[in-house]
Amino acid sequence: MENSNENQEPPVAETPANITVEDVDIDFLPIIYEIIRSLERETLDSNQKPPPASQDVSQRVVELHKKLELAKDQIKRLPGVEYSKEQQLEKLEGLRKQLRLKRDLLLKYRTMCSFDIPK
């Protein structure tokens, strides 16, 4: 029998099924800044000696790539992403219509005469 685990990818960090926009990790700027800073350091160092093979830059690029993949996965899990813009606008209009109807009903029931129930 073949081992079915051979071609499976390693497990990634689980994200909850009910994710919100605030939960999406899109803080890429610090990593990009570090990459640029490392490249600038290499350029300054290369004027004095031959440029070294930069493990630091390649490691940070891999880290940025992983963070981008995680953000893509989180964005795919956001509710409503599977709908087109038109579908989202139609759904929003339907919800607004429901809200107007419910507000009208509440206003109507508030202004109705209260009935006295005999004791």
Protein backbone atom coordinates (compact mmCIF):
# COMPACT_ATOMS: atom_id res chain seq x y z
CA MET A 1 0.00 0.00 0.00
CA GLU A 2 1.16 3.52 -0.76
CA ASN A 3 1.46 6.11 1.92
CA SER A 4 -1.21 8.75 1.22
CA ASN A 5 0.70 11.39 3.21
CA GLU A 6 3.58 11.61 0.73
CA ASN A 7 2.11 14.28 -1.55
CA GLN A 8 0.34 16.32 1.10
CA GLU A 9 1.52 19.82 1.92
CA PRO A 10 2.62 20.59 5.46
CA PRO A 11 -0.15 22.03 7.63
CA VAL A 12 -0.33 25.80 7.73
CA ALA A 13 -1.52 27.90 10.63
CA GLU A 14 -5.25 27.41 10.99
CA THR A 15 -7.39 30.50 10.65
CA PRO A 16 -10.88 30.58 12.07
CA ALA A 17 -13.79 30.05 9.68
CA ASN A 18 -15.53 33.24 10.86
CA ILE A 19 -12.82 35.77 10.13
CA THR A 20 -13.37 39.53 10.08
CA VAL A 21 -11.52 42.26 8.21
CA GLU A 22 -9.78 43.29 11.43
CA ASP A 23 -8.35 39.76 11.77
CA VAL A 24 -6.61 39.80 8.37
CA ASP A 25 -2.87 40.25 8.85
CA ILE A 26 -1.74 42.68 6.13
CA ASP A 27 1.17 44.34 7.91
CA PHE A 28 3.79 43.95 5.17
CA LEU A 29 5.61 47.27 5.50
CA PRO A 30 8.05 46.26 8.28
CA ILE A 31 9.24 43.26 6.25
CA ILE A 32 9.55 45.31 3.06
CA TYR A 33 11.45 47.98 4.99
CA GLU A 34 13.87 45.37 6.33
CA ILE A 35 14.44 43.99 2.82
CA ILE A 36 15.21 47.45 1.46
CA ARG A 37 17.48 48.24 4.41
CA SER A 38 19.40 45.00 3.92
CA LEU A 39 19.81 45.73 0.21
CA GLU A 40 21.09 49.24 0.99
CA ARG A 41 23.60 47.80 3.47
CA GLU A 42 24.80 45.35 0.82
CA THR A 43 25.25 48.18 -1.67
CA LEU A 44 27.29 50.20 0.81
CA ASP A 45 29.38 47.16 1.72
CA SER A 46 29.94 46.23 -1.93
CA ASN A 47 31.87 49.47 -2.50
CA GLN A 48 34.51 48.26 -0.07
CA LYS A 49 34.62 44.54 -0.82
CA PRO A 50 33.00 41.99 -3.16
CA PRO A 51 29.23 41.63 -2.54
CA PRO A 52 28.42 38.72 -0.24
CA ALA A 53 25.63 36.26 -0.97
CA SER A 54 22.87 37.69 1.16
CA GLN A 55 21.11 35.11 3.26
CA ASP A 56 19.39 37.87 5.21
CA VAL A 57 17.64 39.35 2.18
CA SER A 58 16.56 36.00 0.78
CA GLN A 59 15.27 34.94 4.19
CA ARG A 60 13.20 38.14 4.49
CA VAL A 61 11.85 37.69 0.95
CA VAL A 62 10.71 34.16 1.88
CA GLU A 63 9.13 35.57 5.05
CA LEU A 64 7.30 38.22 2.98
CA HIS A 65 6.11 35.56 0.53
CA LYS A 66 4.71 33.43 3.39
CA LYS A 67 2.97 36.45 4.88
CA LEU A 68 1.42 37.32 1.50
CA GLU A 69 0.16 33.75 1.08
CA LEU A 70 -1.36 33.82 4.57
CA ALA A 71 -3.09 37.13 3.80
CA LYS A 72 -4.49 35.70 0.53
CA ASP A 73 -5.85 32.70 2.43
CA GLN A 74 -7.41 34.92 5.10
CA ILE A 75 -9.01 37.20 2.49
CA LYS A 76 -10.54 34.18 0.74
CA ARG A 77 -12.21 33.26 4.06
CA LEU A 78 -13.88 36.66 4.53
CA PRO A 79 -17.68 36.48 4.37
CA GLY A 80 -19.15 37.89 1.16
CA VAL A 81 -15.99 37.65 -0.94
CA GLU A 82 -17.58 34.95 -3.08
CA TYR A 83 -20.20 37.44 -4.35
CA SER A 84 -19.66 39.87 -7.21
CA LYS A 85 -19.92 43.61 -6.64
CA GLU A 86 -23.38 43.67 -8.19
CA GLN A 87 -24.58 40.80 -5.98
CA GLN A 88 -23.22 42.55 -2.90
CA LEU A 89 -25.00 45.79 -3.85
CA GLU A 90 -28.28 43.92 -4.44
CA LYS A 91 -27.99 42.20 -1.08
CA LEU A 92 -27.21 45.52 0.62
CA GLU A 93 -30.26 47.15 -0.99
CA GLY A 94 -32.45 44.23 0.15
CA LEU A 95 -31.18 44.60 3.71
CA ARG A 96 -31.80 48.36 3.63
CA LYS A 97 -35.36 47.73 2.43
CA GLN A 98 -35.94 45.26 5.29
CA LEU A 99 -34.59 47.81 7.75
CA ARG A 100 -36.95 50.51 6.44
CA LEU A 101 -39.94 48.15 6.71
CA LYS A 102 -39.05 47.12 10.25
CA ARG A 103 -38.57 50.74 11.32
CA ASP A 104 -41.95 51.64 9.84
CA LEU A 105 -43.59 48.73 11.70
CA LEU A 106 -41.95 49.76 14.97
CA LEU A 107 -43.13 53.33 14.51
CA LYS A 108 -46.63 52.11 13.66
CA TYR A 109 -46.85 49.89 16.76
CA ARG A 110 -45.50 52.64 19.02
CA THR A 111 -48.19 55.08 17.96
CA MET A 112 -51.04 52.57 18.23
CA CYS A 113 -53.42 52.91 21.13
CA SER A 114 -52.66 50.62 23.96
CA PHE A 115 -55.51 48.37 24.93
CA ASP A 116 -56.49 48.09 28.54
CA ILE A 117 -56.83 44.50 29.55
CA PRO A 118 -59.49 44.04 32.25
CA LYS A 119 -58.24 42.46 35.40
